[in-house]
């Protein structure tokens, strides 16, 4: 009985670890929806959630909103005048991975390091 019990415990622990890894630790893009034509960008506070990064399981509307936002606004400066944060870079990198044109993002000299 000891071996089946250990196997069940191991399976339960593995499930908990996998659940923790697959949970959404990211967030939604702050696309400044209250401002139809923003004059500057706001810093993102959370990295992209799985609805943006899950490939074929991503939410199409969320991905389209991301693509539209950076295509229309990605070259604008941040409202506080500071360069992009690491979190902002996660969003920019995702935009590029999804096929967004590099020319729609801030110049290299203005990116976070």
Protein backbone atom coordinates (compact mmCIF):
# COMPACT_ATOMS: atom_id res chain seq x y z
CA UNK A 1 0.00 0.00 0.00
CA UNK A 2 2.92 2.33 0.55
CA UNK A 3 3.87 2.48 -3.15
CA UNK A 4 0.36 3.34 -4.48
CA UNK A 5 0.00 5.98 -1.80
CA UNK A 6 3.34 7.55 -2.76
CA UNK A 7 2.36 7.42 -6.42
CA UNK A 8 -0.89 9.23 -5.69
CA UNK A 9 0.93 11.81 -3.58
CA UNK A 10 3.51 12.33 -6.33
CA UNK A 11 0.72 12.71 -8.91
CA UNK A 12 -1.08 15.23 -6.69
CA UNK A 13 2.09 17.26 -6.18
CA UNK A 14 2.83 17.22 -9.90
CA UNK A 15 -0.71 18.40 -10.64
CA UNK A 16 -0.36 21.25 -8.15
CA UNK A 17 2.95 22.31 -9.66
CA UNK A 18 1.55 22.20 -13.18
CA UNK A 19 -1.54 24.11 -12.12
CA UNK A 20 0.66 26.77 -10.60
CA UNK A 21 2.71 26.99 -13.77
CA UNK A 22 -0.28 27.25 -16.03
CA UNK A 23 -2.22 29.76 -14.01
CA UNK A 24 -2.43 33.27 -15.35
CA UNK A 25 0.18 35.35 -13.58
CA UNK A 26 0.06 37.92 -16.32
CA UNK A 27 -2.39 40.61 -17.00
CA UNK A 28 -4.31 42.48 -19.60
CA UNK A 29 -2.86 45.10 -21.86
CA UNK A 30 -3.72 48.61 -20.74
CA UNK A 31 -4.66 49.81 -24.21
CA UNK A 32 -5.93 53.12 -22.86
CA UNK A 33 -9.43 52.29 -24.04
CA UNK A 34 -10.78 55.48 -22.48
CA UNK A 35 -8.58 57.50 -24.82
CA UNK A 36 -9.35 56.72 -28.49
CA UNK A 37 -6.16 58.38 -29.76
CA UNK A 38 -3.62 58.53 -26.93
CA UNK A 39 -0.81 61.04 -27.34
CA UNK A 40 1.55 58.97 -25.21
CA UNK A 41 1.91 55.45 -23.83
CA UNK A 42 1.28 54.28 -20.28
CA UNK A 43 3.59 51.73 -18.69
CA UNK A 44 2.17 48.24 -18.46
CA UNK A 45 1.97 46.86 -14.94
CA UNK A 46 1.79 43.11 -15.65
CA UNK A 47 3.35 40.78 -18.18
CA UNK A 48 1.09 39.33 -20.88
CA UNK A 49 -1.37 36.68 -19.71
CA UNK A 50 -1.93 33.39 -21.48
CA UNK A 51 -4.80 34.85 -23.48
CA UNK A 52 -2.06 36.61 -25.48
CA UNK A 53 0.66 33.96 -25.33
CA UNK A 54 -1.10 30.60 -25.67
CA UNK A 55 -0.65 30.27 -29.43
CA UNK A 56 -3.70 28.69 -31.02
CA UNK A 57 -5.49 28.84 -27.64
CA UNK A 58 -4.99 32.62 -27.35
CA UNK A 59 -8.00 34.90 -27.32
CA UNK A 60 -8.22 36.43 -30.81
CA UNK A 61 -9.82 39.69 -29.61
CA UNK A 62 -7.10 40.22 -27.01
CA UNK A 63 -4.37 39.54 -29.55
CA UNK A 64 -5.97 41.86 -32.10
CA UNK A 65 -6.25 44.61 -29.48
CA UNK A 66 -2.54 44.19 -28.69
CA UNK A 67 -1.58 44.31 -32.36
CA UNK A 68 -3.75 47.35 -33.04
CA UNK A 69 -2.48 49.21 -29.98
CA UNK A 70 1.20 48.85 -30.82
CA UNK A 71 0.71 49.35 -34.55
CA UNK A 72 -1.09 52.64 -33.90
CA UNK A 73 0.83 53.86 -30.85
CA UNK A 74 4.05 51.92 -30.42
CA UNK A 75 6.35 54.73 -31.53
CA UNK A 76 4.93 57.24 -29.07
CA UNK A 77 6.86 58.14 -25.94
CA UNK A 78 5.71 57.21 -22.48
CA UNK A 79 3.60 59.79 -20.68
CA UNK A 80 6.10 60.05 -17.82
CA UNK A 81 9.00 60.59 -20.23
CA UNK A 82 10.79 57.46 -19.01
CA UNK A 83 11.91 54.56 -21.20
CA UNK A 84 9.97 51.29 -21.37
CA UNK A 85 10.19 49.03 -18.33
CA UNK A 86 10.97 45.32 -18.49
CA UNK A 87 7.24 44.68 -18.38
CA UNK A 88 6.71 47.04 -21.31
CA UNK A 89 9.44 45.13 -23.18
CA UNK A 90 7.57 41.86 -22.62
CA UNK A 91 4.61 43.39 -24.45
CA UNK A 92 6.79 44.81 -27.23
CA UNK A 93 8.59 41.50 -27.67
CA UNK A 94 5.26 39.70 -27.87
CA UNK A 95 4.09 42.18 -30.51
CA UNK A 96 7.17 41.29 -32.56
CA UNK A 97 6.73 37.55 -32.05
CA UNK A 98 3.15 37.83 -33.27
CA UNK A 99 4.36 39.43 -36.49
CA UNK A 100 4.22 43.12 -35.65
CA UNK A 101 6.55 45.33 -37.66
CA UNK A 102 9.59 46.60 -35.72
CA UNK A 103 9.01 50.05 -37.24
CA UNK A 104 5.84 50.35 -35.17
CA UNK A 105 7.82 50.28 -31.91
CA UNK A 106 9.88 52.95 -30.18
CA UNK A 107 13.38 53.56 -31.47
CA UNK A 108 16.09 51.31 -30.03
CA UNK A 109 17.64 54.13 -28.04
CA UNK A 110 14.38 54.61 -26.14
CA UNK A 111 13.90 51.00 -25.13
CA UNK A 112 14.52 49.62 -21.66
CA UNK A 113 17.71 47.72 -21.05
